[in-house]
Amino acid sequence: DVEVLRMEARDALLRSAKDGSLANVLQAKTENQVSTEVSTQPTKPFALKASVGTWLAPAPEPEEPVASEPAVILSQPHEKLIELPKETLIAAYETELQRMDAEIARLRAKLGP
């Protein structure tokens, strides 16, 4: 039963706290952890460490794609595409087709003859 185990653990902690063995074990464990943490941390020059100011600074805003890029133009909803000038749509489709053709050529070159 969980309650029985909990009571046994409590009694063991109280006994070890009274006779001082708990303090000795905790002290040895703490000293062991501190010595291993210090030895395993890589040393970096101070100039390369982040300052507290960078921890508190807000994250930079992600860059918004340029609206004139063909992928952005062609990913708009149909209602917005209808409103765009035909020349813009044609240029976007041509650029996207050229990009796809270049990717196909690159992949065919990888496959070989």
C-alpha atoms as a PDB file:
ATOM      1  CA  ASP A   1       0.000   0.000   0.000  1.00  0.00           C
ATOM      2  CA  VAL A   2       1.258   3.502  -0.801  1.00  0.00           C
ATOM      3  CA  GLU A   3       0.427   4.875   2.626  1.00  0.00           C
ATOM      4  CA  VAL A   4       2.499   2.183   4.359  1.00  0.00           C
ATOM      5  CA  LEU A   5       5.472   2.889   2.109  1.00  0.00           C
ATOM      6  CA  ARG A   6       5.081   6.609   2.643  1.00  0.00           C
ATOM      7  CA  MET A   7       5.110   6.154   6.432  1.00  0.00           C
ATOM      8  CA  GLU A   8       8.164   3.876   6.286  1.00  0.00           C
ATOM      9  CA  ALA A   9      10.028   6.414   4.170  1.00  0.00           C
ATOM     10  CA  ARG A  10       9.053   9.203   6.555  1.00  0.00           C
ATOM     11  CA  ASP A  11      10.261   7.199   9.568  1.00  0.00           C
ATOM     12  CA  ALA A  12      13.559   6.417   7.826  1.00  0.00           C
ATOM     13  CA  LEU A  13      14.089  10.098   7.033  1.00  0.00           C
ATOM     14  CA  LEU A  14      13.340  11.145  10.596  1.00  0.00           C
ATOM     15  CA  ARG A  15      15.758   8.534  12.035  1.00  0.00           C
ATOM     16  CA  SER A  16      18.566   9.544   9.672  1.00  0.00           C
ATOM     17  CA  ALA A  17      17.978  13.235  10.368  1.00  0.00           C
ATOM     18  CA  LYS A  18      18.246  12.637  14.138  1.00  0.00           C
ATOM     19  CA  ASP A  19      21.484  10.635  14.013  1.00  0.00           C
ATOM     20  CA  GLY A  20      23.150  12.959  11.451  1.00  0.00           C
ATOM     21  CA  SER A  21      23.592  10.366   8.731  1.00  0.00           C
ATOM     22  CA  LEU A  22      21.208  12.225   6.414  1.00  0.00           C
ATOM     23  CA  ALA A  23      23.295  15.397   6.607  1.00  0.00           C
ATOM     24  CA  ASN A  24      26.478  13.449   5.840  1.00  0.00           C
ATOM     25  CA  VAL A  25      24.923  11.723   2.825  1.00  0.00           C
ATOM     26  CA  LEU A  26      23.481  14.973   1.476  1.00  0.00           C
ATOM     27  CA  GLN A  27      26.778  16.824   1.975  1.00  0.00           C
ATOM     28  CA  ALA A  28      28.745  14.104   0.164  1.00  0.00           C
ATOM     29  CA  LYS A  29      26.190  13.977  -2.644  1.00  0.00           C
ATOM     30  CA  THR A  30      26.208  17.772  -3.053  1.00  0.00           C
ATOM     31  CA  GLU A  31      30.006  17.929  -3.141  1.00  0.00           C
ATOM     32  CA  ASN A  32      30.093  15.106  -5.689  1.00  0.00           C
ATOM     33  CA  GLN A  33      27.540  16.852  -7.939  1.00  0.00           C
ATOM     34  CA  VAL A  34      29.354  20.194  -7.765  1.00  0.00           C
ATOM     35  CA  SER A  35      32.700  18.615  -8.664  1.00  0.00           C
ATOM     36  CA  THR A  36      31.245  16.718 -11.642  1.00  0.00           C
ATOM     37  CA  GLU A  37      29.299  19.740 -12.897  1.00  0.00           C
ATOM     38  CA  VAL A  38      32.378  21.932 -12.811  1.00  0.00           C
ATOM     39  CA  SER A  39      34.516  19.379 -14.619  1.00  0.00           C
ATOM     40  CA  THR A  40      31.987  18.617 -17.384  1.00  0.00           C
ATOM     41  CA  GLN A  41      31.161  22.211 -18.321  1.00  0.00           C
ATOM     42  CA  PRO A  42      32.992  23.377 -21.437  1.00  0.00           C
ATOM     43  CA  THR A  43      35.043  26.480 -20.947  1.00  0.00           C
ATOM     44  CA  LYS A  44      34.185  29.428 -23.165  1.00  0.00           C
ATOM     45  CA  PRO A  45      35.757  32.822 -23.294  1.00  0.00           C
ATOM     46  CA  PHE A  46      33.601  35.341 -21.483  1.00  0.00           C
ATOM     47  CA  ALA A  47      33.095  37.420 -24.627  1.00  0.00           C
ATOM     48  CA  LEU A  48      31.267  34.537 -26.317  1.00  0.00           C
ATOM     49  CA  LYS A  49      28.682  34.056 -23.575  1.00  0.00           C
ATOM     50  CA  ALA A  50      25.237  35.594 -23.855  1.00  0.00           C
ATOM     51  CA  SER A  51      24.521  38.544 -21.607  1.00  0.00           C
ATOM     52  CA  VAL A  52      21.512  38.863 -19.352  1.00  0.00           C
ATOM     53  CA  GLY A  53      20.130  41.487 -21.721  1.00  0.00           C
ATOM     54  CA  THR A  54      19.855  38.937 -24.520  1.00  0.00           C
ATOM     55  CA  TRP A  55      17.967  36.568 -22.241  1.00  0.00           C
ATOM     56  CA  LEU A  56      15.397  39.248 -21.537  1.00  0.00           C
ATOM     57  CA  ALA A  57      15.173  40.631 -25.064  1.00  0.00           C
ATOM     58  CA  PRO A  58      12.168  39.621 -27.138  1.00  0.00           C
ATOM     59  CA  ALA A  59      12.780  37.142 -29.923  1.00  0.00           C
ATOM     60  CA  PRO A  60      13.347  38.737 -33.332  1.00  0.00           C
ATOM     61  CA  GLU A  61      10.345  38.873 -35.607  1.00  0.00           C
ATOM     62  CA  PRO A  62      10.389  36.275 -38.388  1.00  0.00           C
ATOM     63  CA  GLU A  63      10.973  37.762 -41.795  1.00  0.00           C
ATOM     64  CA  GLU A  64       7.823  38.189 -43.832  1.00  0.00           C
ATOM     65  CA  PRO A  65       8.067  36.897 -47.396  1.00  0.00           C
ATOM     66  CA  VAL A  66       8.119  39.595 -50.026  1.00  0.00           C
ATOM     67  CA  ALA A  67       4.678  39.957 -51.579  1.00  0.00           C
ATOM     68  CA  SER A  68       6.119  40.107 -55.080  1.00  0.00           C
ATOM     69  CA  GLU A  69       7.653  36.627 -54.900  1.00  0.00           C
ATOM     70  CA  PRO A  70       5.843  34.191 -57.208  1.00  0.00           C
ATOM     71  CA  ALA A  71       5.249  31.592 -54.476  1.00  0.00           C
ATOM     72  CA  VAL A  72       3.583  34.222 -52.284  1.00  0.00           C
ATOM     73  CA  ILE A  73       1.485  35.569 -55.133  1.00  0.00           C
ATOM     74  CA  LEU A  74       0.317  32.121 -56.223  1.00  0.00           C
ATOM     75  CA  SER A  75      -0.497  30.979 -52.679  1.00  0.00           C
ATOM     76  CA  GLN A  76      -3.157  33.662 -52.256  1.00  0.00           C
ATOM     77  CA  PRO A  77      -6.837  32.702 -52.278  1.00  0.00           C
ATOM     78  CA  HIS A  78      -8.656  32.611 -55.592  1.00  0.00           C
ATOM     79  CA  GLU A  79     -10.594  35.785 -54.763  1.00  0.00           C
ATOM     80  CA  LYS A  80      -7.359  37.772 -54.433  1.00  0.00           C
ATOM     81  CA  LEU A  81      -5.824  36.265 -57.561  1.00  0.00           C
ATOM     82  CA  ILE A  82      -8.768  37.494 -59.625  1.00  0.00           C
ATOM     83  CA  GLU A  83      -8.087  41.067 -58.494  1.00  0.00           C
ATOM     84  CA  LEU A  84      -4.403  41.010 -59.538  1.00  0.00           C
ATOM     85  CA  PRO A  85      -3.305  42.311 -62.948  1.00  0.00           C
ATOM     86  CA  LYS A  86      -2.903  39.583 -65.571  1.00  0.00           C
ATOM     87  CA  GLU A  87       0.711  40.571 -66.212  1.00  0.00           C
ATOM     88  CA  THR A  88       1.589  39.932 -62.552  1.00  0.00           C
ATOM     89  CA  LEU A  89      -0.054  36.503 -62.597  1.00  0.00           C
ATOM     90  CA  ILE A  90       1.605  35.513 -65.877  1.00  0.00           C
ATOM     91  CA  ALA A  91       5.011  36.608 -64.616  1.00  0.00           C
ATOM     92  CA  ALA A  92       4.479  34.717 -61.350  1.00  0.00           C
ATOM     93  CA  TYR A  93       3.472  31.524 -63.168  1.00  0.00           C
ATOM     94  CA  GLU A  94       6.419  31.819 -65.583  1.00  0.00           C
ATOM     95  CA  THR A  95       8.874  32.305 -62.710  1.00  0.00           C
ATOM     96  CA  GLU A  96       7.383  29.376 -60.797  1.00  0.00           C
ATOM     97  CA  LEU A  97       7.532  27.145 -63.883  1.00  0.00           C
ATOM     98  CA  GLN A  98      11.180  28.092 -64.468  1.00  0.00           C
ATOM     99  CA  ARG A  99      11.952  27.262 -60.835  1.00  0.00           C
ATOM    100  CA  MET A 100      10.230  23.894 -61.145  1.00  0.00           C
ATOM    101  CA  ASP A 101      12.023  23.150 -64.438  1.00  0.00           C
ATOM    102  CA  ALA A 102      15.352  23.928 -62.795  1.00  0.00           C
ATOM    103  CA  GLU A 103      14.504  21.622 -59.893  1.00  0.00           C
ATOM    104  CA  ILE A 104      13.499  18.823 -62.278  1.00  0.00           C
ATOM    105  CA  ALA A 105      16.769  19.247 -64.193  1.00  0.00           C
ATOM    106  CA  ARG A 106      18.736  19.153 -60.927  1.00  0.00           C
ATOM    107  CA  LEU A 107      16.962  15.966 -59.810  1.00  0.00           C
ATOM    108  CA  ARG A 108      17.472  14.302 -63.213  1.00  0.00           C
ATOM    109  CA  ALA A 109      21.171  15.161 -63.016  1.00  0.00           C
ATOM    110  CA  LYS A 110      21.326  13.447 -59.635  1.00  0.00           C
ATOM    111  CA  LEU A 111      19.804  10.281 -61.081  1.00  0.00           C
ATOM    112  CA  GLY A 112      22.319  10.145 -63.888  1.00  0.00           C
ATOM    113  CA  PRO A 113      21.859   8.864 -67.461  1.00  0.00           C
END
